[in-house]
């Protein structure tokens, strides 16, 4: 929600963007490692990773369009709320995965 604060918070906004970028960039590596670990053992690692990147290549533009429509139709708060809810749902779903 810091993105919606006034421009007088330049230092806080810069720190927020830096930390967000840091954690979002690390998400990809963590998901790749999780996919390699939980994937079927008879499947090659490159097949698992190509599946990951294919899903990412398809879902990225869909999220971009959905976020743009939400911002245009109902505002920035609704778009950020939807993104936050989807990340929380993803965390809950990942929490259900049993890793041996």
Protein backbone atom coordinates (compact mmCIF):
# COMPACT_ATOMS: atom_id res chain seq x y z
CA UNK A 1 0.00 0.00 0.00
CA UNK A 2 3.04 2.28 0.15
CA UNK A 3 2.71 2.79 -3.59
CA UNK A 4 -0.43 4.81 -2.91
CA UNK A 5 1.14 7.17 -0.37
CA UNK A 6 2.09 10.74 -1.24
CA UNK A 7 5.37 11.38 -3.04
CA UNK A 8 6.81 12.97 0.12
CA UNK A 9 7.84 9.49 1.30
CA UNK A 10 10.64 9.14 -1.22
CA UNK A 11 13.02 7.22 1.06
CA UNK A 12 10.29 4.87 2.31
CA UNK A 13 9.03 4.30 -1.20
CA UNK A 14 12.53 3.53 -2.44
CA UNK A 15 13.09 1.06 0.39
CA UNK A 16 9.71 -0.55 -0.27
CA UNK A 17 10.41 -0.98 -3.98
CA UNK A 18 13.88 -2.36 -3.23
CA UNK A 19 12.59 -4.91 -0.70
CA UNK A 20 9.67 -5.90 -2.91
CA UNK A 21 12.00 -6.50 -5.84
CA UNK A 22 14.36 -8.46 -3.63
CA UNK A 23 11.65 -10.82 -2.40
CA UNK A 24 9.82 -11.14 -5.70
CA UNK A 25 13.06 -12.05 -7.49
CA UNK A 26 13.84 -14.72 -4.88
CA UNK A 27 10.37 -16.23 -5.31
CA UNK A 28 11.28 -17.62 -8.70
CA UNK A 29 14.32 -19.50 -7.40
CA UNK A 30 12.37 -20.90 -4.45
CA UNK A 31 9.52 -22.09 -6.67
CA UNK A 32 11.95 -23.74 -9.08
CA UNK A 33 13.62 -25.60 -6.21
CA UNK A 34 10.25 -26.67 -4.81
CA UNK A 35 9.13 -27.90 -8.23
CA UNK A 36 12.30 -29.96 -8.63
CA UNK A 37 11.87 -31.44 -5.17
CA UNK A 38 8.14 -32.32 -5.33
CA UNK A 39 7.95 -33.31 -8.98
CA UNK A 40 7.61 -36.94 -10.06
CA UNK A 41 10.97 -38.64 -9.61
CA UNK A 42 10.76 -40.36 -12.99
CA UNK A 43 10.53 -36.96 -14.75
CA UNK A 44 13.70 -35.19 -15.83
CA UNK A 45 14.59 -31.94 -14.08
CA UNK A 46 14.65 -29.99 -17.36
CA UNK A 47 11.09 -31.16 -18.08
CA UNK A 48 9.94 -29.93 -14.67
CA UNK A 49 11.63 -26.56 -15.18
CA UNK A 50 10.24 -26.13 -18.70
CA UNK A 51 6.77 -26.77 -17.27
CA UNK A 52 7.41 -24.08 -14.65
CA UNK A 53 8.53 -21.54 -17.24
CA UNK A 54 5.62 -22.38 -19.57
CA UNK A 55 3.10 -21.81 -16.79
CA UNK A 56 4.90 -18.57 -15.88
CA UNK A 57 4.90 -17.37 -19.49
CA UNK A 58 1.14 -17.93 -19.72
CA UNK A 59 0.12 -16.64 -16.28
CA UNK A 60 2.21 -13.43 -16.39
CA UNK A 61 0.29 -11.74 -19.22
CA UNK A 62 -3.03 -12.90 -17.76
CA UNK A 63 -2.18 -11.24 -14.44
CA UNK A 64 -1.06 -8.10 -16.26
CA UNK A 65 -4.38 -7.84 -18.11
CA UNK A 66 -6.43 -8.64 -15.00
CA UNK A 67 -4.56 -6.07 -12.91
CA UNK A 68 -4.93 -3.43 -15.62
CA UNK A 69 -8.67 -4.04 -15.89
CA UNK A 70 -9.07 -3.89 -12.10
CA UNK A 71 -7.12 -0.63 -11.88
CA UNK A 72 -9.15 0.85 -14.72
CA UNK A 73 -12.56 -0.29 -13.50
CA UNK A 74 -12.38 -0.22 -9.68
CA UNK A 75 -9.07 1.37 -8.71
CA UNK A 76 -5.61 0.61 -7.47
CA UNK A 77 -6.68 -0.63 -4.02
CA UNK A 78 -8.83 -3.37 -5.56
CA UNK A 79 -6.00 -4.47 -7.86
CA UNK A 80 -3.45 -4.59 -5.03
CA UNK A 81 -5.97 -6.36 -2.78
CA UNK A 82 -6.60 -8.98 -5.45
CA UNK A 83 -2.89 -9.55 -5.91
CA UNK A 84 -2.36 -9.82 -2.14
CA UNK A 85 -5.25 -12.28 -1.80
CA UNK A 86 -3.85 -14.44 -4.61
CA UNK A 87 -0.41 -14.54 -2.97
CA UNK A 88 -1.96 -15.50 0.38
CA UNK A 89 -4.01 -18.22 -1.33
CA UNK A 90 -0.84 -19.46 -3.03
CA UNK A 91 0.96 -19.59 0.33
CA UNK A 92 -1.90 -21.60 1.82
CA UNK A 93 -1.89 -24.02 -1.11
CA UNK A 94 1.90 -24.42 -0.94
CA UNK A 95 1.56 -25.07 2.79
CA UNK A 96 -0.58 -28.10 2.00
CA UNK A 97 2.22 -29.76 0.01
CA UNK A 98 3.91 -32.61 1.85
CA UNK A 99 7.65 -32.83 1.16
CA UNK A 100 9.35 -36.07 2.08
